[in-house]
Amino acid sequence: MLSIVFVSCKKDDAPVDARDKFVGRWFGNFNLSIPAVGVNETDTLSHFITKNPANANQIIIDSIQYATVNGDSFTYLPYTDSETDPSTGVTTTFTINGSGAITNGTNMTENFTINITSAGVTLNGTMSANLTKQ
């Protein structure tokens, strides 16, 4: 008697990279508020997000800001930038901390705190954004 047995092995699916859902161009609006100086603005915002090739848990936003991904959300690594006015010699430092989350496959929200320090004075503000994947 001849028996033939067929064995099928399903290959394991490749692991899903949690960063994939963030990669691409995002466009929308942001609201900026710095109450101490009466700033309350709404404007457009565009992000281009890529994967950080040096860290499997991070994305790079607009080639300068890094964020750590956890599921459908991410947390920005604190970002600081300083500029010195050549005519006055006064240095202004901007520090931004924030996070974002995908609210469905194509929408993302972000929330930030902003600190601006110049000539010994610190101004605190917030920014929020609603973006759609393009």
Protein backbone atom coordinates (compact mmCIF):
# COMPACT_ATOMS: atom_id res chain seq x y z
CA MET A 1 0.00 0.00 0.00
CA LEU A 2 1.33 3.37 -0.95
CA SER A 3 0.59 6.38 1.24
CA ILE A 4 1.32 9.92 0.31
CA VAL A 5 1.33 12.54 2.97
CA PHE A 6 1.36 16.20 2.17
CA VAL A 7 2.60 18.53 4.85
CA SER A 8 2.00 22.20 4.56
CA CYS A 9 3.85 24.67 6.64
CA LYS A 10 2.66 28.22 6.74
CA LYS A 11 5.52 30.63 6.89
CA ASP A 12 5.38 32.96 9.84
CA ASP A 13 4.43 36.41 8.79
CA ALA A 14 7.27 38.87 9.01
CA PRO A 15 7.09 41.00 12.15
CA VAL A 16 5.15 44.20 11.66
CA ASP A 17 7.17 47.36 12.08
CA ALA A 18 5.08 49.67 14.28
CA ARG A 19 6.72 52.67 12.61
CA ASP A 20 5.23 51.87 9.18
CA LYS A 21 1.89 53.53 9.96
CA PHE A 22 3.66 56.85 10.60
CA VAL A 23 5.93 56.88 7.55
CA GLY A 24 4.94 59.35 4.83
CA ARG A 25 3.71 62.90 4.33
CA TRP A 26 1.17 64.36 6.76
CA PHE A 27 -0.66 67.65 6.30
CA GLY A 28 -3.07 69.63 8.46
CA ASN A 29 -3.50 72.52 10.86
CA PHE A 30 -1.89 73.51 14.13
CA ASN A 31 -2.84 75.84 16.96
CA LEU A 32 -0.11 77.71 18.84
CA SER A 33 -0.76 79.48 22.13
CA ILE A 34 1.73 81.56 24.15
CA PRO A 35 -0.54 83.41 26.58
CA ALA A 36 2.11 85.68 28.15
CA VAL A 37 2.58 87.53 24.87
CA GLY A 38 -0.94 87.15 23.47
CA VAL A 39 -0.04 84.63 20.77
CA ASN A 40 -2.95 82.47 19.64
CA GLU A 41 -2.38 81.34 16.06
CA THR A 42 -3.73 78.72 13.68
CA ASP A 43 -1.79 77.79 10.57
CA THR A 44 -1.00 74.86 8.28
CA LEU A 45 1.57 72.21 9.11
CA SER A 46 3.28 69.55 7.03
CA HIS A 47 5.42 66.66 8.31
CA PHE A 48 7.50 64.17 6.39
CA ILE A 49 8.15 61.12 8.58
CA THR A 50 10.74 58.40 7.98
CA LYS A 51 12.10 55.48 10.00
CA ASN A 52 15.30 56.00 11.97
CA PRO A 53 17.65 53.39 10.46
CA ALA A 54 19.81 53.50 13.60
CA ASN A 55 16.96 52.72 16.04
CA ALA A 56 14.16 50.22 15.34
CA ASN A 57 11.78 52.05 17.72
CA GLN A 58 12.19 55.57 16.37
CA ILE A 59 10.85 57.76 13.60
CA ILE A 60 12.35 60.99 12.28
CA ILE A 61 10.04 63.95 11.71
CA ASP A 62 11.11 66.52 9.11
CA SER A 63 14.71 65.26 9.20
CA ILE A 64 15.42 66.88 12.60
CA GLN A 65 13.08 65.65 15.32
CA TYR A 66 13.23 62.11 16.67
CA ALA A 67 10.37 60.27 18.35
CA THR A 68 9.96 56.86 19.96
CA VAL A 69 7.02 54.80 18.69
CA ASN A 70 4.83 52.73 21.00
CA GLY A 71 1.89 51.14 19.17
CA ASP A 72 -0.27 53.88 17.62
CA SER A 73 1.49 56.69 19.49
CA PHE A 74 4.88 58.31 19.68
CA THR A 75 6.78 60.55 22.06
CA TYR A 76 9.16 63.19 20.79
CA LEU A 77 12.65 63.20 22.21
CA PRO A 78 13.08 66.69 23.71
CA TYR A 79 14.15 69.05 20.94
CA THR A 80 16.14 72.21 21.61
CA ASP A 81 17.37 74.79 19.14
CA SER A 82 19.17 78.07 19.79
CA GLU A 83 19.66 81.10 17.60
CA THR A 84 21.75 84.19 18.30
CA ASP A 85 20.75 87.53 16.85
CA PRO A 86 23.99 88.83 15.28
CA SER A 87 23.03 92.46 15.80
CA THR A 88 22.26 92.18 19.54
CA GLY A 89 24.14 89.05 20.58
CA VAL A 90 20.99 87.82 22.36
CA THR A 91 20.48 84.06 22.19
CA THR A 92 16.97 82.66 22.02
CA THR A 93 16.45 79.00 22.91
CA PHE A 94 13.40 76.96 21.90
CA THR A 95 12.58 73.68 23.65
CA ILE A 96 9.76 71.46 22.43
CA ASN A 97 8.36 68.32 24.11
CA GLY A 98 5.40 66.44 22.78
CA SER A 99 3.65 63.36 21.61
CA GLY A 100 1.39 62.20 18.84
CA ALA A 101 -1.05 59.43 18.07
CA ILE A 102 -2.83 57.98 15.10
CA THR A 103 -6.55 58.26 15.74
CA ASN A 104 -7.44 56.08 12.76
CA GLY A 105 -5.38 54.88 9.83
CA THR A 106 -5.06 58.28 8.21
CA ASN A 107 -5.47 60.87 11.00
CA MET A 108 -2.91 61.90 13.57
CA THR A 109 -3.01 64.32 16.49
CA GLU A 110 -0.02 65.96 18.18
CA ASN A 111 0.35 67.93 21.42
CA PHE A 112 3.42 69.92 22.46
CA THR A 113 4.72 72.15 25.19
CA ILE A 114 6.98 74.96 24.03
CA ASN A 115 9.46 76.95 26.11
CA ILE A 116 11.15 80.01 24.62
CA THR A 117 13.95 81.62 26.62
CA SER A 118 15.51 84.91 25.56
CA ALA A 119 17.35 87.58 27.56
CA GLY A 120 16.57 85.77 30.81
CA VAL A 121 12.83 85.59 30.19
CA THR A 122 11.05 82.26 29.58
CA LEU A 123 7.73 82.07 27.80
CA ASN A 124 5.65 78.88 27.98
CA GLY A 125 3.18 77.78 25.39
CA THR A 126 1.35 74.87 23.85
CA MET A 127 0.76 73.63 20.36
CA SER A 128 -1.67 71.05 19.03
CA ALA A 129 -2.04 69.68 15.52
CA ASN A 130 -4.49 67.57 13.53
CA LEU A 131 -2.96 65.98 10.45
CA THR A 132 -4.08 63.67 7.65
CA LYS A 133 -1.82 61.23 5.85
CA GLN A 134 -1.37 62.19 2.20
